């Protein structure tokens, strides 16, 4: 365990950031899952409605540094491809 005051403060800050980052990651997972479930169930309108919300959440999370910006771009790209393929197949 940390002994110096600065190390104790850093440990407190890290714990706060860990909890905050966890909530952001959970929001991203829920948003992505909502789009993927809608496309899997062939609910194209619902998928198109939830996609911009998911993109917003993902980009906001990446801008805060919780996830890497390339991971955010990759996730958004994959969701877009999934929606487009479900639109063209049905």
C-alpha atoms as a PDB file:
ATOM      1  CA  UNK A   1       0.000   0.000   0.000  1.00  0.00           C
ATOM      2  CA  UNK A   2       1.107   3.570  -0.665  1.00  0.00           C
ATOM      3  CA  UNK A   3       2.856   5.452   2.122  1.00  0.00           C
ATOM      4  CA  UNK A   4       3.654   8.926   0.767  1.00  0.00           C
ATOM      5  CA  UNK A   5       0.838  11.487   0.707  1.00  0.00           C
ATOM      6  CA  UNK A   6       1.207  12.009  -3.046  1.00  0.00           C
ATOM      7  CA  UNK A   7       0.920   8.264  -3.662  1.00  0.00           C
ATOM      8  CA  UNK A   8      -2.163   8.075  -1.443  1.00  0.00           C
ATOM      9  CA  UNK A   9      -3.768  10.915  -3.380  1.00  0.00           C
ATOM     10  CA  UNK A  10      -2.881   9.250  -6.694  1.00  0.00           C
ATOM     11  CA  UNK A  11      -4.496   6.002  -5.475  1.00  0.00           C
ATOM     12  CA  UNK A  12      -7.698   7.889  -4.567  1.00  0.00           C
ATOM     13  CA  UNK A  13      -7.760   9.619  -7.969  1.00  0.00           C
ATOM     14  CA  UNK A  14      -7.173   6.346  -9.791  1.00  0.00           C
ATOM     15  CA  UNK A  15     -10.099   4.714  -8.003  1.00  0.00           C
ATOM     16  CA  UNK A  16     -12.426   7.590  -8.927  1.00  0.00           C
ATOM     17  CA  UNK A  17     -11.304   7.463 -12.566  1.00  0.00           C
ATOM     18  CA  UNK A  18     -11.671   3.674 -12.658  1.00  0.00           C
ATOM     19  CA  UNK A  19     -15.293   3.886 -11.556  1.00  0.00           C
ATOM     20  CA  UNK A  20     -16.023   6.699 -14.025  1.00  0.00           C
ATOM     21  CA  UNK A  21     -14.358   4.844 -16.918  1.00  0.00           C
ATOM     22  CA  UNK A  22     -16.288   1.695 -16.040  1.00  0.00           C
ATOM     23  CA  UNK A  23     -19.593   3.527 -16.378  1.00  0.00           C
ATOM     24  CA  UNK A  24     -18.573   5.001 -19.751  1.00  0.00           C
ATOM     25  CA  UNK A  25     -17.559   1.578 -21.054  1.00  0.00           C
ATOM     26  CA  UNK A  26     -20.844   0.096 -19.871  1.00  0.00           C
ATOM     27  CA  UNK A  27     -22.765   2.818 -21.716  1.00  0.00           C
ATOM     28  CA  UNK A  28     -20.829   2.027 -24.898  1.00  0.00           C
ATOM     29  CA  UNK A  29     -21.516  -1.693 -24.566  1.00  0.00           C
ATOM     30  CA  UNK A  30     -25.244  -1.102 -24.048  1.00  0.00           C
ATOM     31  CA  UNK A  31     -25.469   1.245 -27.046  1.00  0.00           C
ATOM     32  CA  UNK A  32     -23.611  -1.182 -29.310  1.00  0.00           C
ATOM     33  CA  UNK A  33     -25.714  -4.109 -28.122  1.00  0.00           C
ATOM     34  CA  UNK A  34     -28.930  -2.202 -28.814  1.00  0.00           C
ATOM     35  CA  UNK A  35     -27.904  -1.641 -32.452  1.00  0.00           C
ATOM     36  CA  UNK A  36     -26.678  -5.210 -32.921  1.00  0.00           C
ATOM     37  CA  UNK A  37     -29.824  -6.761 -31.462  1.00  0.00           C
ATOM     38  CA  UNK A  38     -31.989  -4.571 -33.688  1.00  0.00           C
ATOM     39  CA  UNK A  39     -30.067  -5.598 -36.814  1.00  0.00           C
ATOM     40  CA  UNK A  40     -30.120  -9.260 -35.806  1.00  0.00           C
ATOM     41  CA  UNK A  41     -33.909  -9.111 -35.394  1.00  0.00           C
ATOM     42  CA  UNK A  42     -34.250  -7.304 -38.781  1.00  0.00           C
ATOM     43  CA  UNK A  43     -35.655  -4.188 -37.086  1.00  0.00           C
ATOM     44  CA  UNK A  44     -34.037  -1.804 -39.571  1.00  0.00           C
ATOM     45  CA  UNK A  45     -35.873   1.315 -38.407  1.00  0.00           C
ATOM     46  CA  UNK A  46     -34.954   0.739 -34.768  1.00  0.00           C
ATOM     47  CA  UNK A  47     -31.337   0.081 -35.750  1.00  0.00           C
ATOM     48  CA  UNK A  48     -31.194   3.287 -37.781  1.00  0.00           C
ATOM     49  CA  UNK A  49     -32.668   5.259 -34.883  1.00  0.00           C
ATOM     50  CA  UNK A  50     -30.291   3.856 -32.285  1.00  0.00           C
ATOM     51  CA  UNK A  51     -27.169   4.092 -34.479  1.00  0.00           C
ATOM     52  CA  UNK A  52     -26.625   7.895 -34.181  1.00  0.00           C
ATOM     53  CA  UNK A  53     -27.073   7.683 -30.406  1.00  0.00           C
ATOM     54  CA  UNK A  54     -24.519   4.892 -30.234  1.00  0.00           C
ATOM     55  CA  UNK A  55     -22.074   6.852 -32.399  1.00  0.00           C
ATOM     56  CA  UNK A  56     -22.420   9.862 -30.117  1.00  0.00           C
ATOM     57  CA  UNK A  57     -21.753   7.815 -26.997  1.00  0.00           C
ATOM     58  CA  UNK A  58     -18.772   6.047 -28.583  1.00  0.00           C
ATOM     59  CA  UNK A  59     -17.187   9.284 -29.811  1.00  0.00           C
ATOM     60  CA  UNK A  60     -17.701  11.015 -26.482  1.00  0.00           C
ATOM     61  CA  UNK A  61     -16.060   8.088 -24.690  1.00  0.00           C
ATOM     62  CA  UNK A  62     -13.101   8.187 -27.087  1.00  0.00           C
ATOM     63  CA  UNK A  63     -12.683  11.948 -26.687  1.00  0.00           C
ATOM     64  CA  UNK A  64     -12.413  11.491 -22.926  1.00  0.00           C
ATOM     65  CA  UNK A  65      -9.665   8.920 -23.450  1.00  0.00           C
ATOM     66  CA  UNK A  66     -11.582   6.017 -21.950  1.00  0.00           C
ATOM     67  CA  UNK A  67     -11.280   4.010 -25.164  1.00  0.00           C
ATOM     68  CA  UNK A  68      -8.783   4.530 -27.970  1.00  0.00           C
ATOM     69  CA  UNK A  69      -9.913   6.662 -30.898  1.00  0.00           C
ATOM     70  CA  UNK A  70      -9.133   3.886 -33.373  1.00  0.00           C
ATOM     71  CA  UNK A  71     -11.215   1.419 -31.385  1.00  0.00           C
ATOM     72  CA  UNK A  72     -14.068   3.905 -31.501  1.00  0.00           C
ATOM     73  CA  UNK A  73     -13.712   4.298 -35.271  1.00  0.00           C
ATOM     74  CA  UNK A  74     -13.555   0.531 -35.735  1.00  0.00           C
ATOM     75  CA  UNK A  75     -16.670  -0.046 -33.632  1.00  0.00           C
ATOM     76  CA  UNK A  76     -18.631   2.640 -35.475  1.00  0.00           C
ATOM     77  CA  UNK A  77     -17.517   1.262 -38.828  1.00  0.00           C
ATOM     78  CA  UNK A  78     -18.577  -2.257 -37.939  1.00  0.00           C
ATOM     79  CA  UNK A  79     -21.980  -1.088 -36.732  1.00  0.00           C
ATOM     80  CA  UNK A  80     -22.501   0.894 -39.938  1.00  0.00           C
ATOM     81  CA  UNK A  81     -21.539  -2.098 -42.060  1.00  0.00           C
ATOM     82  CA  UNK A  82     -23.910  -4.313 -40.110  1.00  0.00           C
ATOM     83  CA  UNK A  83     -26.805  -1.891 -40.586  1.00  0.00           C
ATOM     84  CA  UNK A  84     -26.080  -1.443 -44.296  1.00  0.00           C
ATOM     85  CA  UNK A  85     -25.881  -5.177 -44.894  1.00  0.00           C
ATOM     86  CA  UNK A  86     -29.172  -5.747 -43.085  1.00  0.00           C
ATOM     87  CA  UNK A  87     -30.848  -2.984 -45.122  1.00  0.00           C
ATOM     88  CA  UNK A  88     -29.671  -4.440 -48.432  1.00  0.00           C
ATOM     89  CA  UNK A  89     -30.450  -8.040 -47.532  1.00  0.00           C
ATOM     90  CA  UNK A  90     -34.064  -7.387 -46.507  1.00  0.00           C
END
